[in-house]
C-alpha atoms as a PDB file:
ATOM      1  CA  GLU A   1       0.000   0.000   0.000  1.00  0.00           C
ATOM      2  CA  SER A   2       2.994   2.327   0.175  1.00  0.00           C
ATOM      3  CA  ALA A   3       2.462   3.339  -3.468  1.00  0.00           C
ATOM      4  CA  PHE A   4      -1.051   4.510  -2.537  1.00  0.00           C
ATOM      5  CA  PHE A   5       0.288   6.644   0.304  1.00  0.00           C
ATOM      6  CA  ILE A   6       3.088   8.116  -1.820  1.00  0.00           C
ATOM      7  CA  GLY A   7       0.515   8.812  -4.533  1.00  0.00           C
ATOM      8  CA  TRP A   8      -1.763  10.579  -2.066  1.00  0.00           C
ATOM      9  CA  ILE A   9       1.061  12.776  -0.790  1.00  0.00           C
ATOM     10  CA  MET A  10       1.991  13.669  -4.353  1.00  0.00           C
ATOM     11  CA  GLN A  11      -1.669  14.339  -5.187  1.00  0.00           C
ATOM     12  CA  ILE A  12      -2.085  16.694  -2.216  1.00  0.00           C
ATOM     13  CA  ILE A  13       1.108  18.621  -2.997  1.00  0.00           C
ATOM     14  CA  LEU A  14       0.351  18.895  -6.710  1.00  0.00           C
ATOM     15  CA  SER A  15      -3.341  19.756  -6.290  1.00  0.00           C
ATOM     16  CA  GLU A  16      -3.329  22.034  -3.276  1.00  0.00           C
ATOM     17  CA  MET A  17       0.070  23.674  -3.364  1.00  0.00           C
ATOM     18  CA  LEU A  18       0.890  23.801  -7.081  1.00  0.00           C
ATOM     19  CA  ASP A  19      -2.658  23.918  -8.543  1.00  0.00           C
ATOM     20  CA  VAL A  20      -1.972  20.955 -10.828  1.00  0.00           C
ATOM     21  CA  PRO A  21      -5.066  18.778 -11.265  1.00  0.00           C
ATOM     22  CA  THR A  22      -4.215  15.157 -10.492  1.00  0.00           C
ATOM     23  CA  SER A  23      -5.867  11.781 -10.284  1.00  0.00           C
ATOM     24  CA  LEU A  24      -4.579   8.290  -9.578  1.00  0.00           C
ATOM     25  CA  GLU A  25      -4.834   5.786 -12.437  1.00  0.00           C
ATOM     26  CA  PRO A  26      -5.878   2.247 -11.435  1.00  0.00           C
ATOM     27  CA  GLY A  27      -4.817   0.881 -14.837  1.00  0.00           C
ATOM     28  CA  THR A  28      -7.861  -1.355 -15.163  1.00  0.00           C
ATOM     29  CA  PRO A  29     -11.373  -0.496 -16.374  1.00  0.00           C
ATOM     30  CA  GLY A  30     -14.075  -0.732 -13.737  1.00  0.00           C
ATOM     31  CA  VAL A  31     -11.680  -0.397 -10.794  1.00  0.00           C
ATOM     32  CA  ALA A  32     -12.611   2.409  -8.435  1.00  0.00           C
ATOM     33  CA  SER A  33     -10.436   5.486  -8.291  1.00  0.00           C
ATOM     34  CA  ASN A  34      -7.826   5.526  -5.546  1.00  0.00           C
ATOM     35  CA  ASN A  35      -7.783   9.296  -5.318  1.00  0.00           C
ATOM     36  CA  PHE A  36      -7.122  10.820  -1.902  1.00  0.00           C
ATOM     37  CA  TYR A  37     -10.182  13.000  -2.375  1.00  0.00           C
ATOM     38  CA  SER A  38     -12.486  10.068  -3.147  1.00  0.00           C
ATOM     39  CA  MET A  39     -15.362   9.752  -0.688  1.00  0.00           C
ATOM     40  CA  ASP A  40     -15.017   5.958  -0.764  1.00  0.00           C
ATOM     41  CA  HIS A  41     -11.256   5.764  -0.089  1.00  0.00           C
ATOM     42  CA  THR A  42     -10.977   2.373  -1.687  1.00  0.00           C
ATOM     43  CA  LEU A  43      -7.622   0.660  -1.981  1.00  0.00           C
ATOM     44  CA  ASP A  44      -8.536  -1.314  -5.070  1.00  0.00           C
ATOM     45  CA  TYR A  45      -5.634  -2.753  -6.972  1.00  0.00           C
ATOM     46  CA  GLY A  46      -5.760  -2.662 -10.730  1.00  0.00           C
ATOM     47  CA  GLY A  47      -5.109  -5.778 -12.760  1.00  0.00           C
ATOM     48  CA  ILE A  48      -1.681  -4.543 -13.872  1.00  0.00           C
ATOM     49  CA  ALA A  49       1.165  -4.231 -11.374  1.00  0.00           C
ATOM     50  CA  TYR A  50       3.252  -1.910 -13.536  1.00  0.00           C
ATOM     51  CA  ASP A  51       1.221  -0.200 -16.238  1.00  0.00           C
ATOM     52  CA  TRP A  52       4.079   0.768 -18.558  1.00  0.00           C
ATOM     53  CA  GLU A  53       1.665   1.364 -21.427  1.00  0.00           C
ATOM     54  CA  SER A  54      -0.056   4.137 -19.472  1.00  0.00           C
ATOM     55  CA  LEU A  55       3.262   5.992 -19.325  1.00  0.00           C
ATOM     56  CA  LYS A  56       3.631   5.587 -23.085  1.00  0.00           C
ATOM     57  CA  THR A  57       0.106   6.945 -23.564  1.00  0.00           C
ATOM     58  CA  SER A  58       0.855  10.133 -21.670  1.00  0.00           C
ATOM     59  CA  SER A  59       3.953  10.788 -23.770  1.00  0.00           C
ATOM     60  CA  SER A  60       2.242  10.215 -27.127  1.00  0.00           C
ATOM     61  CA  SER A  61      -0.729  11.778 -28.852  1.00  0.00           C
ATOM     62  CA  LEU A  62      -2.569   8.576 -29.871  1.00  0.00           C
ATOM     63  CA  GLY A  63      -3.649  10.500 -32.961  1.00  0.00           C
ATOM     64  CA  THR A  64      -5.798  12.840 -30.872  1.00  0.00           C
ATOM     65  CA  ASP A  65      -5.495  16.245 -29.282  1.00  0.00           C
ATOM     66  CA  ALA A  66      -4.881  14.469 -25.973  1.00  0.00           C
ATOM     67  CA  ALA A  67      -1.078  14.610 -26.106  1.00  0.00           C
ATOM     68  CA  GLY A  68       0.026  14.622 -22.475  1.00  0.00           C
ATOM     69  CA  ASP A  69      -3.490  15.253 -21.146  1.00  0.00           C
ATOM     70  CA  CYS A  70      -4.724  12.217 -19.242  1.00  0.00           C
ATOM     71  CA  SER A  71      -8.034  13.892 -18.423  1.00  0.00           C
ATOM     72  CA  MET A  72      -8.926  13.751 -22.120  1.00  0.00           C
ATOM     73  CA  ILE A  73      -8.014  10.042 -22.206  1.00  0.00           C
ATOM     74  CA  ALA A  74     -10.198   9.462 -19.125  1.00  0.00           C
ATOM     75  CA  SER A  75     -13.103  11.226 -20.875  1.00  0.00           C
ATOM     76  CA  MET A  76     -12.616   9.023 -23.935  1.00  0.00           C
ATOM     77  CA  ASN A  77     -12.705   5.944 -21.685  1.00  0.00           C
ATOM     78  CA  ASN A  78     -15.898   7.122 -19.966  1.00  0.00           C
ATOM     79  CA  ASN A  79     -17.587   7.935 -23.279  1.00  0.00           C
ATOM     80  CA  ASN A  80     -16.813   4.412 -24.514  1.00  0.00           C
ATOM     81  CA  ASN A  81     -17.952   2.754 -21.259  1.00  0.00           C
ATOM     82  CA  ASN A  82     -14.332   1.625 -20.842  1.00  0.00           C
ATOM     83  CA  LYS A  83     -14.462  -0.481 -24.020  1.00  0.00           C
ATOM     84  CA  GLY A  84     -11.005  -0.328 -25.535  1.00  0.00           C
ATOM     85  CA  TYR A  85      -9.807   1.130 -22.215  1.00  0.00           C
ATOM     86  CA  ILE A  86      -6.579   3.141 -22.424  1.00  0.00           C
ATOM     87  CA  GLY A  87      -4.580   3.793 -19.262  1.00  0.00           C
ATOM     88  CA  CYS A  88      -2.768   7.113 -18.965  1.00  0.00           C
ATOM     89  CA  SER A  89      -0.306   8.227 -16.294  1.00  0.00           C
ATOM     90  CA  HIS A  90       2.616  10.590 -15.852  1.00  0.00           C
ATOM     91  CA  VAL A  91       4.222   9.220 -12.693  1.00  0.00           C
ATOM     92  CA  MET A  92       4.854   5.747 -11.332  1.00  0.00           C
ATOM     93  CA  PRO A  93       5.904   6.482  -7.747  1.00  0.00           C
ATOM     94  CA  GLU A  94       7.184   3.060  -6.804  1.00  0.00           C
ATOM     95  CA  VAL A  95       9.064   0.577  -8.969  1.00  0.00           C
ATOM     96  CA  TRP A  96      10.968  -2.319  -7.455  1.00  0.00           C
ATOM     97  CA  ASN A  97      14.487  -3.246  -8.521  1.00  0.00           C
ATOM     98  CA  ASN A  98      13.367  -6.340 -10.412  1.00  0.00           C
ATOM     99  CA  ARG A  99      11.774  -4.010 -13.010  1.00  0.00           C
ATOM    100  CA  ARG A 100      14.968  -2.089 -13.700  1.00  0.00           C
ATOM    101  CA  ASN A 101      15.363  -3.511 -17.242  1.00  0.00           C
ATOM    102  CA  MET A 102      11.995  -2.096 -18.305  1.00  0.00           C
ATOM    103  CA  VAL A 103      12.760   1.266 -16.698  1.00  0.00           C
ATOM    104  CA  GLU A 104      16.058   1.476 -18.562  1.00  0.00           C
ATOM    105  CA  ARG A 105      14.357   0.505 -21.846  1.00  0.00           C
ATOM    106  CA  LEU A 106      11.726   3.241 -21.417  1.00  0.00           C
ATOM    107  CA  GLU A 107      14.500   5.734 -20.680  1.00  0.00           C
ATOM    108  CA  ARG A 108      16.292   4.766 -23.910  1.00  0.00           C
ATOM    109  CA  GLU A 109      13.015   5.137 -25.846  1.00  0.00           C
ATOM    110  CA  ASP A 110      12.537   8.635 -24.339  1.00  0.00           C
ATOM    111  CA  VAL A 111       9.218   7.605 -22.796  1.00  0.00           C
ATOM    112  CA  ILE A 112      10.314   8.508 -19.256  1.00  0.00           C
ATOM    113  CA  GLU A 113      12.870  10.709 -17.572  1.00  0.00           C
ATOM    114  CA  PRO A 114      15.782   9.029 -15.785  1.00  0.00           C
ATOM    115  CA  PHE A 115      14.519   7.483 -12.573  1.00  0.00           C
ATOM    116  CA  GLN A 116      15.289   8.914  -9.149  1.00  0.00           C
ATOM    117  CA  PHE A 117      15.518   7.015  -5.893  1.00  0.00           C
ATOM    118  CA  LEU A 118      12.932   7.817  -3.242  1.00  0.00           C
ATOM    119  CA  GLY A 119      15.306   6.960  -0.437  1.00  0.00           C
ATOM    120  CA  VAL A 120      13.064   4.129   0.704  1.00  0.00           C
ATOM    121  CA  PHE A 121      14.472   0.641   1.132  1.00  0.00           C
ATOM    122  CA  ALA A 122      12.192  -2.358   1.158  1.00  0.00           C
ATOM    123  CA  LYS A 123      12.764  -5.979   1.989  1.00  0.00           C
ATOM    124  CA  ALA A 124      10.359  -8.850   1.564  1.00  0.00           C
ATOM    125  CA  GLY A 125      10.468 -11.424   4.316  1.00  0.00           C
ATOM    126  CA  TRP A 126       8.681 -13.180   7.097  1.00  0.00           C
ATOM    127  CA  TYR A 127       8.832 -11.870  10.633  1.00  0.00           C
ATOM    128  CA  VAL A 128       7.589 -14.217  13.316  1.00  0.00           C
ATOM    129  CA  PRO A 129       7.052 -12.923  16.859  1.00  0.00           C
ATOM    130  CA  LYS A 130       8.747 -14.740  19.753  1.00  0.00           C
END
């Protein structure tokens, strides 16, 4: 859930301090929004762990006037009842080391900027109380 919390912090800073409209992309049609400002505050996971295609969408025009504007892509999705759903995102706040090859490929393709470390270290493991 740390990606949700990081996303919420980013959403608050961007929306309230910098006046940049933001939303969190679940990456899957029919999945509730995970926006901080949502009245439901669901923590629904999308069906895609790392939606690389949504990053590509935000950096291309898709033959529309929506170049870089995910709100226009979201409107297209809603108008089509999510048929032919297209994910669109500008930031992926948390990517684990085992995805480094894809990150480097997207950097070479000029889809994303060079990644930056968050300063957070994670370790998967089992912890059993005494």
